[in-house]
Amino acid sequence: MLYSVTMGEKCYYVHGVEDIPFDSVASLRMHEAFNAMRILEVPKENLIFLKLPDAGVSERIDELSKKLRNIHLQ
């Protein structure tokens, strides 16, 4: 399994590009991830998006831990 902790929605913003909506960037990043999985011939079911907000993950360790625990208990 591969986990994407955030959707990368702020990746352009932190590089000074402020006019692209975060939801558009998140959608693009998800599409890129699925394309990479296809190229690597890894089933897309092996990619799990945890969808935590981009930036500040270190303040959300408990939430991240809970999401990972829930996945592994299924």
N, C-alpha and C. Protein backbone atom coordinates (compact mmCIF):
# COMPACT_ATOMS: atom_id res chain seq x y z
N MET A 1 0.83 -1.19 0.00
CA MET A 1 0.00 0.00 0.00
C MET A 1 0.88 1.25 0.00
N LEU A 2 0.39 2.24 -0.71
CA LEU A 2 1.04 3.54 -0.73
C LEU A 2 0.05 4.56 -0.19
N TYR A 3 0.53 5.42 0.67
CA TYR A 3 -0.34 6.41 1.30
C TYR A 3 0.07 7.81 0.87
N SER A 4 -0.92 8.59 0.49
CA SER A 4 -0.72 10.01 0.25
C SER A 4 -1.34 10.71 1.45
N VAL A 5 -0.51 11.29 2.28
CA VAL A 5 -1.00 11.88 3.52
C VAL A 5 -1.80 13.14 3.25
N THR A 6 -1.32 14.01 2.36
CA THR A 6 -2.06 15.22 2.01
C THR A 6 -2.39 15.16 0.53
N MET A 7 -3.20 16.08 0.09
CA MET A 7 -3.56 16.15 -1.32
C MET A 7 -2.63 17.09 -2.09
N GLY A 8 -1.69 17.72 -1.40
CA GLY A 8 -0.73 18.59 -2.07
C GLY A 8 -1.34 19.88 -2.61
N GLU A 9 -2.47 20.27 -2.06
CA GLU A 9 -3.21 21.41 -2.61
C GLU A 9 -2.50 22.75 -2.48
N LYS A 10 -1.52 22.85 -1.62
CA LYS A 10 -0.82 24.12 -1.45
C LYS A 10 0.56 24.13 -2.11
N CYS A 11 0.86 23.11 -2.91
CA CYS A 11 2.22 22.99 -3.46
C CYS A 11 2.60 24.17 -4.34
N TYR A 12 1.67 24.70 -5.13
CA TYR A 12 1.99 25.85 -5.98
C TYR A 12 2.01 27.13 -5.16
N TYR A 13 1.10 27.22 -4.21
CA TYR A 13 0.99 28.42 -3.37
C TYR A 13 2.30 28.73 -2.65
N VAL A 14 2.93 27.69 -2.10
CA VAL A 14 4.18 27.92 -1.36
C VAL A 14 5.32 28.32 -2.28
N HIS A 15 5.13 28.13 -3.58
CA HIS A 15 6.16 28.54 -4.55
C HIS A 15 5.78 29.85 -5.25
N GLY A 16 4.81 30.55 -4.68
CA GLY A 16 4.46 31.88 -5.18
C GLY A 16 3.36 31.94 -6.22
N VAL A 17 2.78 30.81 -6.59
CA VAL A 17 1.67 30.81 -7.55
C VAL A 17 0.38 30.75 -6.74
N GLU A 18 -0.29 31.89 -6.66
CA GLU A 18 -1.45 32.00 -5.76
C GLU A 18 -2.79 31.97 -6.47
N ASP A 19 -2.80 31.93 -7.80
CA ASP A 19 -4.07 32.08 -8.50
C ASP A 19 -4.70 30.75 -8.95
N ILE A 20 -4.21 29.64 -8.47
CA ILE A 20 -4.79 28.34 -8.80
C ILE A 20 -5.56 27.85 -7.57
N PRO A 21 -6.86 27.58 -7.73
CA PRO A 21 -7.65 27.12 -6.58
C PRO A 21 -7.11 25.81 -5.99
N PHE A 22 -7.13 25.72 -4.67
CA PHE A 22 -6.60 24.54 -3.99
C PHE A 22 -7.28 23.25 -4.45
N ASP A 23 -8.60 23.30 -4.68
CA ASP A 23 -9.28 22.07 -5.10
C ASP A 23 -8.84 21.61 -6.48
N SER A 24 -8.49 22.55 -7.36
CA SER A 24 -7.98 22.19 -8.68
C SER A 24 -6.61 21.53 -8.57
N VAL A 25 -5.78 22.07 -7.71
CA VAL A 25 -4.45 21.49 -7.50
C VAL A 25 -4.58 20.10 -6.90
N ALA A 26 -5.45 19.93 -5.92
CA ALA A 26 -5.64 18.62 -5.29
C ALA A 26 -6.10 17.60 -6.32
N SER A 27 -7.02 17.98 -7.19
CA SER A 27 -7.50 17.09 -8.24
C SER A 27 -6.37 16.72 -9.20
N LEU A 28 -5.57 17.70 -9.58
CA LEU A 28 -4.42 17.45 -10.46
C LEU A 28 -3.44 16.48 -9.80
N ARG A 29 -3.15 16.71 -8.53
CA ARG A 29 -2.19 15.85 -7.82
C ARG A 29 -2.71 14.41 -7.73
N MET A 30 -4.00 14.23 -7.52
CA MET A 30 -4.58 12.89 -7.47
C MET A 30 -4.46 12.22 -8.84
N HIS A 31 -4.76 12.96 -9.88
CA HIS A 31 -4.63 12.44 -11.25
C HIS A 31 -3.19 12.03 -11.53
N GLU A 32 -2.23 12.86 -11.12
CA GLU A 32 -0.82 12.53 -11.32
C GLU A 32 -0.44 11.25 -10.58
N ALA A 33 -0.94 11.09 -9.38
CA ALA A 33 -0.63 9.90 -8.59
C ALA A 33 -1.17 8.64 -9.27
N PHE A 34 -2.40 8.72 -9.75
CA PHE A 34 -2.98 7.56 -10.44
C PHE A 34 -2.24 7.25 -11.73
N ASN A 35 -1.81 8.28 -12.46
CA ASN A 35 -1.02 8.04 -13.67
C ASN A 35 0.31 7.37 -13.35
N ALA A 36 0.95 7.82 -12.28
CA ALA A 36 2.21 7.20 -11.87
C ALA A 36 2.00 5.73 -11.52
N MET A 37 0.92 5.44 -10.83
CA MET A 37 0.62 4.05 -10.46
C MET A 37 0.41 3.20 -11.72
N ARG A 38 -0.28 3.77 -12.71
CA ARG A 38 -0.53 3.05 -13.96
C ARG A 38 0.79 2.75 -14.68
N ILE A 39 1.66 3.75 -14.77
CA ILE A 39 2.96 3.57 -15.42
C ILE A 39 3.79 2.50 -14.72
N LEU A 40 3.71 2.49 -13.39
CA LEU A 40 4.47 1.51 -12.60
C LEU A 40 3.76 0.15 -12.52
N GLU A 41 2.59 0.08 -13.14
CA GLU A 41 1.78 -1.15 -13.14
C GLU A 41 1.41 -1.62 -11.73
N VAL A 42 1.10 -0.64 -10.91
CA VAL A 42 0.64 -0.91 -9.55
C VAL A 42 -0.87 -0.65 -9.54
N PRO A 43 -1.67 -1.59 -9.05
CA PRO A 43 -3.12 -1.37 -9.02
C PRO A 43 -3.48 -0.09 -8.26
N LYS A 44 -4.41 0.67 -8.83
CA LYS A 44 -4.77 1.95 -8.20
C LYS A 44 -5.38 1.75 -6.82
N GLU A 45 -5.88 0.55 -6.54
CA GLU A 45 -6.43 0.26 -5.22
C GLU A 45 -5.34 0.27 -4.14
N ASN A 46 -4.09 0.21 -4.56
CA ASN A 46 -2.97 0.22 -3.60
C ASN A 46 -2.58 1.63 -3.17
N LEU A 47 -3.25 2.64 -3.70
CA LEU A 47 -2.98 4.02 -3.33
C LEU A 47 -4.12 4.54 -2.48
N ILE A 48 -3.81 4.97 -1.30
CA ILE A 48 -4.82 5.47 -0.36
C ILE A 48 -4.54 6.94 -0.05
N PHE A 49 -5.54 7.77 -0.27
CA PHE A 49 -5.42 9.20 0.02
C PHE A 49 -6.01 9.46 1.40
N LEU A 50 -5.18 9.91 2.32
CA LEU A 50 -5.64 10.19 3.68
C LEU A 50 -6.27 11.58 3.79
N LYS A 51 -5.99 12.45 2.85
CA LYS A 51 -6.64 13.75 2.69
C LYS A 51 -6.51 14.70 3.88
N LEU A 52 -5.37 14.67 4.54
CA LEU A 52 -5.13 15.68 5.57
C LEU A 52 -4.78 16.99 4.87
N PRO A 53 -5.04 18.12 5.51
CA PRO A 53 -4.71 19.40 4.89
C PRO A 53 -3.21 19.51 4.62
N ASP A 54 -2.89 20.08 3.46
CA ASP A 54 -1.50 20.26 3.08
C ASP A 54 -0.85 21.29 4.01
N ALA A 55 0.28 20.96 4.52
CA ALA A 55 1.04 21.77 5.47
C ALA A 55 0.47 21.56 6.87
N GLY A 56 1.31 21.51 7.83
CA GLY A 56 0.86 21.37 9.21
C GLY A 56 0.54 19.96 9.65
N VAL A 57 1.03 18.96 8.91
CA VAL A 57 0.74 17.57 9.30
C VAL A 57 1.31 17.26 10.67
N SER A 58 2.41 17.89 11.01
CA SER A 58 3.03 17.61 12.31
C SER A 58 2.11 17.97 13.47
N GLU A 59 1.16 18.87 13.24
CA GLU A 59 0.19 19.22 14.28
C GLU A 59 -1.01 18.26 14.27
N ARG A 60 -1.03 17.32 13.34
CA ARG A 60 -2.16 16.40 13.20
C ARG A 60 -1.73 14.94 13.32
N ILE A 61 -0.69 14.70 14.08
CA ILE A 61 -0.16 13.33 14.23
C ILE A 61 -1.22 12.38 14.79
N ASP A 62 -2.00 12.83 15.75
CA ASP A 62 -3.04 11.97 16.32
C ASP A 62 -4.07 11.59 15.25
N GLU A 63 -4.48 12.55 14.45
CA GLU A 63 -5.45 12.28 13.39
C GLU A 63 -4.86 11.32 12.35
N LEU A 64 -3.61 11.54 11.99
CA LEU A 64 -2.93 10.65 11.04
C LEU A 64 -2.83 9.24 11.59
N SER A 65 -2.44 9.11 12.84
CA SER A 65 -2.34 7.79 13.47
C SER A 65 -3.68 7.08 13.48
N LYS A 66 -4.74 7.81 13.79
CA LYS A 66 -6.08 7.22 13.82
C LYS A 66 -6.49 6.72 12.44
N LYS A 67 -6.24 7.53 11.41
CA LYS A 67 -6.59 7.12 10.05
C LYS A 67 -5.84 5.85 9.66
N LEU A 68 -4.55 5.79 9.96
CA LEU A 68 -3.75 4.61 9.61
C LEU A 68 -4.21 3.38 10.39
N ARG A 69 -4.52 3.56 11.66
CA ARG A 69 -5.03 2.44 12.46
C ARG A 69 -6.33 1.90 11.89
N ASN A 70 -7.24 2.80 11.53
CA ASN A 70 -8.53 2.40 10.97
C ASN A 70 -8.37 1.62 9.67
N ILE A 71 -7.43 2.02 8.84
CA ILE A 71 -7.18 1.32 7.58
C ILE A 71 -6.68 -0.09 7.86
N HIS A 72 -5.77 -0.22 8.79
CA HIS A 72 -5.16 -1.53 9.06
C HIS A 72 -6.08 -2.45 9.85
N LEU A 73 -7.13 -1.90 10.44
CA LEU A 73 -8.09 -2.74 11.17
C LEU A 73 -9.18 -3.27 10.25
N GLN A 74 -9.27 -2.73 9.06
CA GLN A 74 -10.32 -3.16 8.13
C GLN A 74 -10.01 -4.51 7.52
